[in-house]
Amino acid sequence: LDGKWHLTSISFDPKFDTPKVLKSYGQSYRADFATWDFVTADQATITK
């Protein structure tokens, strides 16, 4: 399955969950960032 799947956790709290916070959060779960992203966007995009 290598290269055929990916996971993404999307934060709906962009004011607090900055890229730095999300990276630290992912590290606390020992996530492999090659196959699991932690992302957010502006509130309008998240709401949509």
All heavy atoms as atom14 arrays in JSON, in Angstrom:
{
  "sequence": "LDGKWHLTSISFDPKFDTPKVLKSYGQSYRADFATWDFVTADQATITK",
  "atom14_mask": [
    [1, 1, 1, 1, 1, 1, 1, 1, 0, 0, 0, 0, 0, 0],
    [1, 1, 1, 1, 1, 1, 1, 1, 0, 0, 0, 0, 0, 0],
    [1, 1, 1, 1, 0, 0, 0, 0, 0, 0, 0, 0, 0, 0],
    [1, 1, 1, 1, 1, 1, 1, 1, 1, 0, 0, 0, 0, 0],
    [1, 1, 1, 1, 1, 1, 1, 1, 1, 1, 1, 1, 1, 1],
    [1, 1, 1, 1, 1, 1, 1, 1, 1, 1, 0, 0, 0, 0],
    [1, 1, 1, 1, 1, 1, 1, 1, 0, 0, 0, 0, 0, 0],
    [1, 1, 1, 1, 1, 1, 1, 0, 0, 0, 0, 0, 0, 0],
    [1, 1, 1, 1, 1, 1, 0, 0, 0, 0, 0, 0, 0, 0],
    [1, 1, 1, 1, 1, 1, 1, 1, 0, 0, 0, 0, 0, 0],
    [1, 1, 1, 1, 1, 1, 0, 0, 0, 0, 0, 0, 0, 0],
    [1, 1, 1, 1, 1, 1, 1, 1, 1, 1, 1, 0, 0, 0],
    [1, 1, 1, 1, 1, 1, 1, 1, 0, 0, 0, 0, 0, 0],
    [1, 1, 1, 1, 1, 1, 1, 0, 0, 0, 0, 0, 0, 0],
    [1, 1, 1, 1, 1, 1, 1, 1, 1, 0, 0, 0, 0, 0],
    [1, 1, 1, 1, 1, 1, 1, 1, 1, 1, 1, 0, 0, 0],
    [1, 1, 1, 1, 1, 1, 1, 1, 0, 0, 0, 0, 0, 0],
    [1, 1, 1, 1, 1, 1, 1, 0, 0, 0, 0, 0, 0, 0],
    [1, 1, 1, 1, 1, 1, 1, 0, 0, 0, 0, 0, 0, 0],
    [1, 1, 1, 1, 1, 1, 1, 1, 1, 0, 0, 0, 0, 0],
    [1, 1, 1, 1, 1, 1, 1, 0, 0, 0, 0, 0, 0, 0],
    [1, 1, 1, 1, 1, 1, 1, 1, 0, 0, 0, 0, 0, 0],
    [1, 1, 1, 1, 1, 1, 1, 1, 1, 0, 0, 0, 0, 0],
    [1, 1, 1, 1, 1, 1, 0, 0, 0, 0, 0, 0, 0, 0],
    [1, 1, 1, 1, 1, 1, 1, 1, 1, 1, 1, 1, 0, 0],
    [1, 1, 1, 1, 0, 0, 0, 0, 0, 0, 0, 0, 0, 0],
    [1, 1, 1, 1, 1, 1, 1, 1, 1, 0, 0, 0, 0, 0],
    [1, 1, 1, 1, 1, 1, 0, 0, 0, 0, 0, 0, 0, 0],
    [1, 1, 1, 1, 1, 1, 1, 1, 1, 1, 1, 1, 0, 0],
    [1, 1, 1, 1, 1, 1, 1, 1, 1, 1, 1, 0, 0, 0],
    [1, 1, 1, 1, 1, 0, 0, 0, 0, 0, 0, 0, 0, 0],
    [1, 1, 1, 1, 1, 1, 1, 1, 0, 0, 0, 0, 0, 0],
    [1, 1, 1, 1, 1, 1, 1, 1, 1, 1, 1, 0, 0, 0],
    [1, 1, 1, 1, 1, 0, 0, 0, 0, 0, 0, 0, 0, 0],
    [1, 1, 1, 1, 1, 1, 1, 0, 0, 0, 0, 0, 0, 0],
    [1, 1, 1, 1, 1, 1, 1, 1, 1, 1, 1, 1, 1, 1],
    [1, 1, 1, 1, 1, 1, 1, 1, 0, 0, 0, 0, 0, 0],
    [1, 1, 1, 1, 1, 1, 1, 1, 1, 1, 1, 0, 0, 0],
    [1, 1, 1, 1, 1, 1, 1, 0, 0, 0, 0, 0, 0, 0],
    [1, 1, 1, 1, 1, 1, 1, 0, 0, 0, 0, 0, 0, 0],
    [1, 1, 1, 1, 1, 0, 0, 0, 0, 0, 0, 0, 0, 0],
    [1, 1, 1, 1, 1, 1, 1, 1, 0, 0, 0, 0, 0, 0],
    [1, 1, 1, 1, 1, 1, 1, 1, 1, 0, 0, 0, 0, 0],
    [1, 1, 1, 1, 1, 0, 0, 0, 0, 0, 0, 0, 0, 0],
    [1, 1, 1, 1, 1, 1, 1, 0, 0, 0, 0, 0, 0, 0],
    [1, 1, 1, 1, 1, 1, 1, 1, 0, 0, 0, 0, 0, 0],
    [1, 1, 1, 1, 1, 1, 1, 0, 0, 0, 0, 0, 0, 0],
    [1, 1, 1, 1, 1, 1, 1, 1, 1, 0, 0, 0, 0, 0]
  ],
  "atom14_positions": [
    [[0.81, -1.22, 0.0], [0.0, 0.0, 0.0], [0.85, 1.28, 0.0], [0.3, 2.38, -0.04], [-0.93, 0.01, 1.21], [-1.89, -1.16, 1.34], [-2.66, -1.07, 2.66], [-2.84, -1.23, 0.17], [0.0, 0.0, 0.0], [0.0, 0.0, 0.0], [0.0, 0.0, 0.0], [0.0, 0.0, 0.0], [0.0, 0.0, 0.0], [0.0, 0.0, 0.0]],
    [[2.16, 1.14, 0.05], [3.04, 2.31, 0.11], [2.71, 3.3, -1.01], [2.6, 2.92, -2.17], [4.51, 1.9, 0.0], [5.06, 1.32, 1.3], [4.32, 1.28, 2.3], [6.23, 0.89, 1.3], [0.0, 0.0, 0.0], [0.0, 0.0, 0.0], [0.0, 0.0, 0.0], [0.0, 0.0, 0.0], [0.0, 0.0, 0.0], [0.0, 0.0, 0.0]],
    [[2.55, 4.56, -0.63], [2.3, 5.63, -1.59], [0.87, 5.69, -2.11], [0.58, 6.48, -3.0], [0.0, 0.0, 0.0], [0.0, 0.0, 0.0], [0.0, 0.0, 0.0], [0.0, 0.0, 0.0], [0.0, 0.0, 0.0], [0.0, 0.0, 0.0], [0.0, 0.0, 0.0], [0.0, 0.0, 0.0], [0.0, 0.0, 0.0], [0.0, 0.0, 0.0]],
    [[-0.03, 4.87, -1.54], [-1.39, 4.8, -2.07], [-2.43, 5.35, -1.1], [-3.62, 5.3, -1.39], [-1.73, 3.35, -2.42], [-0.83, 2.8, -3.51], [-1.14, 1.36, -3.8], [-0.19, 0.84, -4.89], [-0.39, -0.59, -5.12], [0.0, 0.0, 0.0], [0.0, 0.0, 0.0], [0.0, 0.0, 0.0], [0.0, 0.0, 0.0], [0.0, 0.0, 0.0]],
    [[-2.0, 5.87, 0.04], [-2.95, 6.37, 1.05], [-2.35, 7.54, 1.81], [-1.13, 7.73, 1.82], [-3.35, 5.26, 2.02], [-2.18, 4.7, 2.78], [-1.35, 3.68, 2.38], [-1.68, 5.14, 4.04], [-0.38, 3.47, 3.32], [-0.55, 4.35, 4.35], [-2.08, 6.13, 4.93], [0.18, 4.52, 5.53], [-1.34, 6.29, 6.11], [-0.24, 5.49, 6.39]],
    [[-3.23, 8.31, 2.45], [-2.79, 9.44, 3.26], [-3.88, 9.77, 4.28], [-5.06, 9.52, 4.03], [-2.49, 10.66, 2.38], [-1.55, 11.62, 3.01], [-0.19, 11.47, 2.96], [-1.77, 12.74, 3.74], [0.38, 12.47, 3.62], [-0.57, 13.24, 4.11], [0.0, 0.0, 0.0], [0.0, 0.0, 0.0], [0.0, 0.0, 0.0], [0.0, 0.0, 0.0]],
    [[-3.47, 10.32, 5.4], [-4.39, 10.77, 6.45], [-4.22, 12.27, 6.65], [-3.1, 12.78, 6.57], [-4.07, 10.06, 7.78], [-4.02, 8.54, 7.77], [-3.56, 8.03, 9.14], [-5.36, 7.97, 7.39], [0.0, 0.0, 0.0], [0.0, 0.0, 0.0], [0.0, 0.0, 0.0], [0.0, 0.0, 0.0], [0.0, 0.0, 0.0], [0.0, 0.0, 0.0]],
    [[-5.32, 12.95, 6.93], [-5.26, 14.38, 7.22], [-6.21, 14.71, 8.35], [-7.39, 14.37, 8.29], [-5.63, 15.23, 5.98], [-4.72, 14.92, 4.92], [-5.53, 16.71, 6.29], [0.0, 0.0, 0.0], [0.0, 0.0, 0.0], [0.0, 0.0, 0.0], [0.0, 0.0, 0.0], [0.0, 0.0, 0.0], [0.0, 0.0, 0.0], [0.0, 0.0, 0.0]],
    [[-5.67, 15.32, 9.39], [-6.48, 15.84, 10.49], [-6.6, 17.35, 10.27], [-5.58, 18.05, 10.19], [-5.83, 15.56, 11.84], [-5.82, 14.17, 12.1], [0.0, 0.0, 0.0], [0.0, 0.0, 0.0], [0.0, 0.0, 0.0], [0.0, 0.0, 0.0], [0.0, 0.0, 0.0], [0.0, 0.0, 0.0], [0.0, 0.0, 0.0], [0.0, 0.0, 0.0]],
    [[-7.83, 17.82, 10.19], [-8.09, 19.23, 9.91], [-8.58, 19.9, 11.19], [-9.6, 19.5, 11.75], [-9.14, 19.39, 8.81], [-8.67, 18.69, 7.53], [-9.45, 20.87, 8.56], [-9.74, 18.6, 6.45], [0.0, 0.0, 0.0], [0.0, 0.0, 0.0], [0.0, 0.0, 0.0], [0.0, 0.0, 0.0], [0.0, 0.0, 0.0], [0.0, 0.0, 0.0]],
    [[-7.86, 20.91, 11.64], [-8.29, 21.65, 12.82], [-9.31, 22.71, 12.42], [-9.11, 23.45, 11.46], [-7.12, 22.34, 13.5], [-7.61, 23.23, 14.5], [0.0, 0.0, 0.0], [0.0, 0.0, 0.0], [0.0, 0.0, 0.0], [0.0, 0.0, 0.0], [0.0, 0.0, 0.0], [0.0, 0.0, 0.0], [0.0, 0.0, 0.0], [0.0, 0.0, 0.0]],
    [[-10.38, 22.78, 13.2], [-11.38, 23.83, 12.98], [-11.21, 24.97, 13.99], [-12.13, 25.73, 14.23], [-12.81, 23.26, 13.0], [-13.1, 22.3, 14.13], [-13.29, 22.75, 15.42], [-13.17, 20.95, 13.87], [-13.56, 21.88, 16.45], [-13.45, 20.06, 14.9], [-13.65, 20.53, 16.19], [0.0, 0.0, 0.0], [0.0, 0.0, 0.0], [0.0, 0.0, 0.0]],
    [[-9.99, 25.11, 14.53], [-9.66, 26.17, 15.49], [-8.41, 26.92, 15.01], [-7.37, 26.9, 15.66], [-9.42, 25.53, 16.86], [-9.21, 26.53, 17.98], [-9.51, 27.72, 17.79], [-8.74, 26.11, 19.05], [0.0, 0.0, 0.0], [0.0, 0.0, 0.0], [0.0, 0.0, 0.0], [0.0, 0.0, 0.0], [0.0, 0.0, 0.0], [0.0, 0.0, 0.0]],
    [[-8.5, 27.59, 13.85], [-7.29, 28.19, 13.27], [-6.68, 29.31, 14.1], [-5.48, 29.58, 13.96], [-7.76, 28.7, 11.91], [-9.22, 28.96, 12.09], [-9.69, 27.88, 13.04], [0.0, 0.0, 0.0], [0.0, 0.0, 0.0], [0.0, 0.0, 0.0], [0.0, 0.0, 0.0], [0.0, 0.0, 0.0], [0.0, 0.0, 0.0], [0.0, 0.0, 0.0]],
    [[-7.46, 29.96, 14.96], [-6.88, 31.03, 15.79], [-5.86, 30.48, 16.77], [-4.87, 31.13, 17.07], [-7.99, 31.77, 16.54], [-8.86, 32.6, 15.64], [-9.94, 33.3, 16.42], [-10.88, 34.04, 15.48], [-12.08, 34.52, 16.16], [0.0, 0.0, 0.0], [0.0, 0.0, 0.0], [0.0, 0.0, 0.0], [0.0, 0.0, 0.0], [0.0, 0.0, 0.0]],
    [[-6.1, 29.28, 17.27], [-5.16, 28.67, 18.23], [-4.24, 27.66, 17.55], [-3.05, 27.59, 17.86], [-5.93, 27.99, 19.37], [-5.02, 27.43, 20.42], [-4.53, 28.23, 21.43], [-4.64, 26.1, 20.38], [-3.66, 27.71, 22.39], [-3.77, 25.57, 21.33], [-3.29, 26.39, 22.34], [0.0, 0.0, 0.0], [0.0, 0.0, 0.0], [0.0, 0.0, 0.0]],
    [[-4.79, 26.86, 16.67], [-4.03, 25.76, 16.06], [-3.22, 26.24, 14.86], [-3.57, 26.01, 13.7], [-4.97, 24.62, 15.67], [-5.5, 23.88, 16.89], [-4.91, 24.0, 17.97], [-6.52, 23.17, 16.75], [0.0, 0.0, 0.0], [0.0, 0.0, 0.0], [0.0, 0.0, 0.0], [0.0, 0.0, 0.0], [0.0, 0.0, 0.0], [0.0, 0.0, 0.0]],
    [[-2.13, 26.91, 15.17], [-1.19, 27.37, 14.16], [-0.4, 26.18, 13.63], [-0.42, 25.09, 14.23], [-0.21, 28.38, 14.78], [0.54, 27.7, 15.8], [-0.94, 29.59, 15.38], [0.0, 0.0, 0.0], [0.0, 0.0, 0.0], [0.0, 0.0, 0.0], [0.0, 0.0, 0.0], [0.0, 0.0, 0.0], [0.0, 0.0, 0.0], [0.0, 0.0, 0.0]],
    [[0.31, 26.35, 12.53], [1.15, 25.25, 12.05], [2.1, 24.71, 13.13], [2.28, 23.49, 13.23], [1.9, 25.87, 10.87], [0.94, 26.89, 10.34], [0.3, 27.47, 11.58], [0.0, 0.0, 0.0], [0.0, 0.0, 0.0], [0.0, 0.0, 0.0], [0.0, 0.0, 0.0], [0.0, 0.0, 0.0], [0.0, 0.0, 0.0], [0.0, 0.0, 0.0]],
    [[2.67, 25.59, 13.92], [3.58, 25.15, 14.99], [2.85, 24.3, 16.04], [3.34, 23.25, 16.46], [4.23, 26.37, 15.66], [5.23, 26.04, 16.72], [5.86, 27.29, 17.31], [6.84, 26.93, 18.42], [7.48, 28.11, 19.0], [0.0, 0.0, 0.0], [0.0, 0.0, 0.0], [0.0, 0.0, 0.0], [0.0, 0.0, 0.0], [0.0, 0.0, 0.0]],
    [[1.67, 24.73, 16.45], [0.87, 23.98, 17.42], [0.47, 22.63, 16.83], [0.55, 21.59, 17.5], [-0.37, 24.79, 17.86], [-1.35, 23.94, 18.64], [0.06, 26.0, 18.68], [0.0, 0.0, 0.0], [0.0, 0.0, 0.0], [0.0, 0.0, 0.0], [0.0, 0.0, 0.0], [0.0, 0.0, 0.0], [0.0, 0.0, 0.0], [0.0, 0.0, 0.0]],
    [[0.03, 22.62, 15.57], [-0.38, 21.38, 14.93], [0.79, 20.4, 14.77], [0.63, 19.19, 14.96], [-1.03, 21.66, 13.58], [-2.41, 22.29, 13.66], [-2.85, 22.81, 12.3], [-3.43, 21.31, 14.23], [0.0, 0.0, 0.0], [0.0, 0.0, 0.0], [0.0, 0.0, 0.0], [0.0, 0.0, 0.0], [0.0, 0.0, 0.0], [0.0, 0.0, 0.0]],
    [[1.97, 20.92, 14.48], [3.15, 20.06, 14.37], [3.45, 19.41, 15.72], [3.7, 18.21, 15.81], [4.36, 20.84, 13.87], [5.58, 19.97, 13.7], [6.76, 20.73, 13.12], [7.93, 19.79, 12.94], [9.11, 20.49, 12.41], [0.0, 0.0, 0.0], [0.0, 0.0, 0.0], [0.0, 0.0, 0.0], [0.0, 0.0, 0.0], [0.0, 0.0, 0.0]],
    [[3.41, 20.2, 16.78], [3.66, 19.68, 18.12], [2.6, 18.64, 18.5], [2.92, 17.6, 19.09], [3.68, 20.83, 19.12], [3.85, 20.35, 20.43], [0.0, 0.0, 0.0], [0.0, 0.0, 0.0], [0.0, 0.0, 0.0], [0.0, 0.0, 0.0], [0.0, 0.0, 0.0], [0.0, 0.0, 0.0], [0.0, 0.0, 0.0], [0.0, 0.0, 0.0]],
    [[1.36, 18.91, 18.16], [0.27, 17.98, 18.44], [0.52, 16.66, 17.71], [0.4, 15.58, 18.29], [-1.05, 18.61, 18.0], [-2.28, 17.78, 18.25], [-2.88, 17.75, 19.51], [-2.88, 17.05, 17.24], [-4.04, 17.01, 19.74], [-4.03, 16.31, 17.46], [-4.6, 16.28, 18.71], [-5.74, 15.55, 18.93], [0.0, 0.0, 0.0], [0.0, 0.0, 0.0]],
    [[0.86, 16.73, 16.45], [1.16, 15.52, 15.68], [2.33, 14.76, 16.27], [2.3, 13.52, 16.35], [0.0, 0.0, 0.0], [0.0, 0.0, 0.0], [0.0, 0.0, 0.0], [0.0, 0.0, 0.0], [0.0, 0.0, 0.0], [0.0, 0.0, 0.0], [0.0, 0.0, 0.0], [0.0, 0.0, 0.0], [0.0, 0.0, 0.0], [0.0, 0.0, 0.0]],
    [[3.36, 15.48, 16.7], [4.5, 14.83, 17.33], [4.11, 14.13, 18.63], [4.63, 13.07, 18.95], [5.61, 15.85, 17.6], [6.29, 16.33, 16.35], [7.21, 17.52, 16.58], [7.03, 18.31, 17.5], [8.21, 17.65, 15.71], [0.0, 0.0, 0.0], [0.0, 0.0, 0.0], [0.0, 0.0, 0.0], [0.0, 0.0, 0.0], [0.0, 0.0, 0.0]],
    [[3.14, 14.71, 19.36], [2.71, 14.09, 20.61], [2.03, 12.75, 20.36], [1.99, 11.9, 21.25], [1.78, 15.03, 21.39], [0.49, 15.06, 20.81], [0.0, 0.0, 0.0], [0.0, 0.0, 0.0], [0.0, 0.0, 0.0], [0.0, 0.0, 0.0], [0.0, 0.0, 0.0], [0.0, 0.0, 0.0], [0.0, 0.0, 0.0], [0.0, 0.0, 0.0]],
    [[1.52, 12.54, 19.15], [0.93, 11.25, 18.78], [1.94, 10.37, 18.04], [1.57, 9.28, 17.59], [-0.31, 11.47, 17.9], [-1.51, 11.83, 18.73], [-1.82, 13.16, 18.99], [-2.32, 10.85, 19.29], [-2.92, 13.5, 19.78], [-3.42, 11.18, 20.07], [-3.7, 12.51, 20.32], [-4.77, 12.84, 21.1], [0.0, 0.0, 0.0], [0.0, 0.0, 0.0]],
    [[3.16, 10.82, 17.91], [4.2, 10.1, 17.18], [3.78, 9.81, 15.74], [4.04, 8.74, 15.18], [4.61, 8.82, 17.92], [5.21, 9.08, 19.28], [5.6, 7.83, 20.04], [4.61, 6.75, 20.07], [3.55, 6.69, 20.89], [3.33, 7.67, 21.75], [2.73, 5.66, 20.85], [0.0, 0.0, 0.0], [0.0, 0.0, 0.0], [0.0, 0.0, 0.0]],
    [[3.09, 10.79, 15.16], [2.63, 10.66, 13.77], [3.81, 10.66, 12.82], [4.8, 11.36, 13.04], [1.7, 11.82, 13.43], [0.0, 0.0, 0.0], [0.0, 0.0, 0.0], [0.0, 0.0, 0.0], [0.0, 0.0, 0.0], [0.0, 0.0, 0.0], [0.0, 0.0, 0.0], [0.0, 0.0, 0.0], [0.0, 0.0, 0.0], [0.0, 0.0, 0.0]],
    [[3.7, 9.88, 11.77], [4.66, 9.92, 10.68], [4.12, 10.94, 9.68], [3.13, 10.68, 8.99], [4.78, 8.54, 10.04], [5.72, 8.52, 8.85], [6.18, 9.6, 8.4], [5.99, 7.42, 8.34], [0.0, 0.0, 0.0], [0.0, 0.0, 0.0], [0.0, 0.0, 0.0], [0.0, 0.0, 0.0], [0.0, 0.0, 0.0], [0.0, 0.0, 0.0]],
    [[4.77, 12.09, 9.63], [4.27, 13.19, 8.8], [4.37, 12.89, 7.3], [3.83, 13.64, 6.49], [4.99, 14.49, 9.14], [4.68, 15.0, 10.53], [5.68, 15.14, 11.47], [3.38, 15.31, 10.9], [5.4, 15.61, 12.75], [3.08, 15.76, 12.18], [4.1, 15.92, 13.11], [0.0, 0.0, 0.0], [0.0, 0.0, 0.0], [0.0, 0.0, 0.0]],
    [[5.02, 11.81, 6.93], [5.06, 11.43, 5.52], [3.69, 10.95, 5.04], [3.37, 11.06, 3.85], [6.1, 10.34, 5.29], [0.0, 0.0, 0.0], [0.0, 0.0, 0.0], [0.0, 0.0, 0.0], [0.0, 0.0, 0.0], [0.0, 0.0, 0.0], [0.0, 0.0, 0.0], [0.0, 0.0, 0.0], [0.0, 0.0, 0.0], [0.0, 0.0, 0.0]],
    [[2.87, 10.45, 5.98], [1.56, 9.92, 5.6], [0.41, 10.49, 6.42], [-0.74, 10.05, 6.27], [1.54, 8.38, 5.72], [1.92, 8.01, 7.04], [2.46, 7.73, 4.7], [0.0, 0.0, 0.0], [0.0, 0.0, 0.0], [0.0, 0.0, 0.0], [0.0, 0.0, 0.0], [0.0, 0.0, 0.0], [0.0, 0.0, 0.0], [0.0, 0.0, 0.0]],
    [[0.7, 11.46, 7.29], [-0.36, 12.04, 8.12], [-0.08, 13.53, 8.3], [0.91, 13.91, 8.91], [-0.42, 11.34, 9.46], [-1.53, 11.72, 10.38], [-2.57, 12.58, 10.15], [-1.72, 11.24, 11.72], [-3.38, 12.67, 11.26], [-2.88, 11.84, 12.24], [-1.01, 10.37, 12.53], [-3.34, 11.59, 13.53], [-1.46, 10.11, 13.81], [-2.62, 10.72, 14.3]],
    [[-0.97, 14.36, 7.75], [-0.84, 15.81, 7.87], [-1.81, 16.35, 8.92], [-2.9, 15.82, 9.11], [-1.18, 16.49, 6.54], [-0.13, 16.25, 5.48], [1.06, 16.19, 5.82], [-0.51, 16.1, 4.3], [0.0, 0.0, 0.0], [0.0, 0.0, 0.0], [0.0, 0.0, 0.0], [0.0, 0.0, 0.0], [0.0, 0.0, 0.0], [0.0, 0.0, 0.0]],
    [[-1.42, 17.45, 9.54], [-2.24, 18.2, 10.48], [-2.33, 19.61, 9.91], [-1.32, 20.29, 9.81], [-1.6, 18.21, 11.88], [-1.55, 16.84, 12.48], [-0.56, 15.93, 12.12], [-2.5, 16.45, 13.41], [-0.52, 14.67, 12.68], [-2.47, 15.18, 13.97], [-1.47, 14.29, 13.6], [0.0, 0.0, 0.0], [0.0, 0.0, 0.0], [0.0, 0.0, 0.0]],
    [[-3.53, 20.01, 9.51], [-3.68, 21.26, 8.77], [-4.86, 22.06, 9.31], [-5.69, 21.56, 10.05], [-3.89, 21.0, 7.26], [-2.72, 20.22, 6.67], [-5.2, 20.27, 7.0], [0.0, 0.0, 0.0], [0.0, 0.0, 0.0], [0.0, 0.0, 0.0], [0.0, 0.0, 0.0], [0.0, 0.0, 0.0], [0.0, 0.0, 0.0], [0.0, 0.0, 0.0]],
    [[-4.91, 23.31, 8.89], [-6.06, 24.17, 9.14], [-6.14, 25.15, 7.98], [-5.35, 25.08, 7.03], [-5.96, 24.87, 10.51], [-7.23, 25.42, 10.85], [-4.88, 25.93, 10.55], [0.0, 0.0, 0.0], [0.0, 0.0, 0.0], [0.0, 0.0, 0.0], [0.0, 0.0, 0.0], [0.0, 0.0, 0.0], [0.0, 0.0, 0.0], [0.0, 0.0, 0.0]],
    [[-7.1, 26.04, 8.05], [-7.28, 27.05, 7.0], [-7.96, 28.25, 7.65], [-8.2, 28.26, 8.86], [-8.13, 26.49, 5.86], [0.0, 0.0, 0.0], [0.0, 0.0, 0.0], [0.0, 0.0, 0.0], [0.0, 0.0, 0.0], [0.0, 0.0, 0.0], [0.0, 0.0, 0.0], [0.0, 0.0, 0.0], [0.0, 0.0, 0.0], [0.0, 0.0, 0.0]],
    [[-8.29, 29.24, 6.85], [-9.04, 30.37, 7.4], [-10.44, 29.89, 7.77], [-10.94, 28.87, 7.27], [-9.08, 31.52, 6.4], [-9.78, 31.12, 5.11], [-11.03, 31.22, 5.06], [-9.09, 30.68, 4.17], [0.0, 0.0, 0.0], [0.0, 0.0, 0.0], [0.0, 0.0, 0.0], [0.0, 0.0, 0.0], [0.0, 0.0, 0.0], [0.0, 0.0, 0.0]],
    [[-11.08, 30.62, 8.68], [-12.37, 30.2, 9.21], [-13.44, 30.04, 8.13], [-14.26, 29.13, 8.18], [-12.86, 31.17, 10.3], [-13.95, 30.59, 11.17], [-13.51, 29.36, 11.96], [-12.54, 29.42, 12.69], [-14.22, 28.26, 11.82], [0.0, 0.0, 0.0], [0.0, 0.0, 0.0], [0.0, 0.0, 0.0], [0.0, 0.0, 0.0], [0.0, 0.0, 0.0]],
    [[-13.44, 30.91, 7.13], [-14.44, 30.83, 6.06], [-14.31, 29.51, 5.29], [-15.31, 28.86, 4.98], [-14.31, 32.01, 5.12], [0.0, 0.0, 0.0], [0.0, 0.0, 0.0], [0.0, 0.0, 0.0], [0.0, 0.0, 0.0], [0.0, 0.0, 0.0], [0.0, 0.0, 0.0], [0.0, 0.0, 0.0], [0.0, 0.0, 0.0], [0.0, 0.0, 0.0]],
    [[-13.1, 29.1, 5.0], [-12.86, 27.85, 4.29], [-13.28, 26.66, 5.15], [-13.93, 25.73, 4.67], [-11.37, 27.73, 3.88], [-11.04, 28.84, 3.04], [-11.09, 26.43, 3.16], [0.0, 0.0, 0.0], [0.0, 0.0, 0.0], [0.0, 0.0, 0.0], [0.0, 0.0, 0.0], [0.0, 0.0, 0.0], [0.0, 0.0, 0.0], [0.0, 0.0, 0.0]],
    [[-12.92, 26.7, 6.42], [-13.29, 25.62, 7.33], [-14.81, 25.51, 7.44], [-15.37, 24.41, 7.38], [-12.65, 25.84, 8.72], [-11.14, 25.65, 8.61], [-13.25, 24.9, 9.76], [-10.36, 26.12, 9.82], [0.0, 0.0, 0.0], [0.0, 0.0, 0.0], [0.0, 0.0, 0.0], [0.0, 0.0, 0.0], [0.0, 0.0, 0.0], [0.0, 0.0, 0.0]],
    [[-15.48, 26.64, 7.58], [-16.94, 26.64, 7.7], [-17.59, 26.04, 6.45], [-18.52, 25.24, 6.54], [-17.47, 28.06, 7.97], [-16.9, 28.51, 9.21], [-18.97, 28.09, 8.05], [0.0, 0.0, 0.0], [0.0, 0.0, 0.0], [0.0, 0.0, 0.0], [0.0, 0.0, 0.0], [0.0, 0.0, 0.0], [0.0, 0.0, 0.0], [0.0, 0.0, 0.0]],
    [[-17.09, 26.41, 5.29], [-17.64, 25.87, 4.04], [-17.46, 24.35, 4.0], [-18.39, 23.62, 3.64], [-16.94, 26.53, 2.85], [-17.5, 26.15, 1.51], [-16.83, 26.94, 0.4], [-17.39, 26.54, -0.95], [-16.73, 27.25, -2.05], [0.0, 0.0, 0.0], [0.0, 0.0, 0.0], [0.0, 0.0, 0.0], [0.0, 0.0, 0.0], [0.0, 0.0, 0.0]]
  ]
}
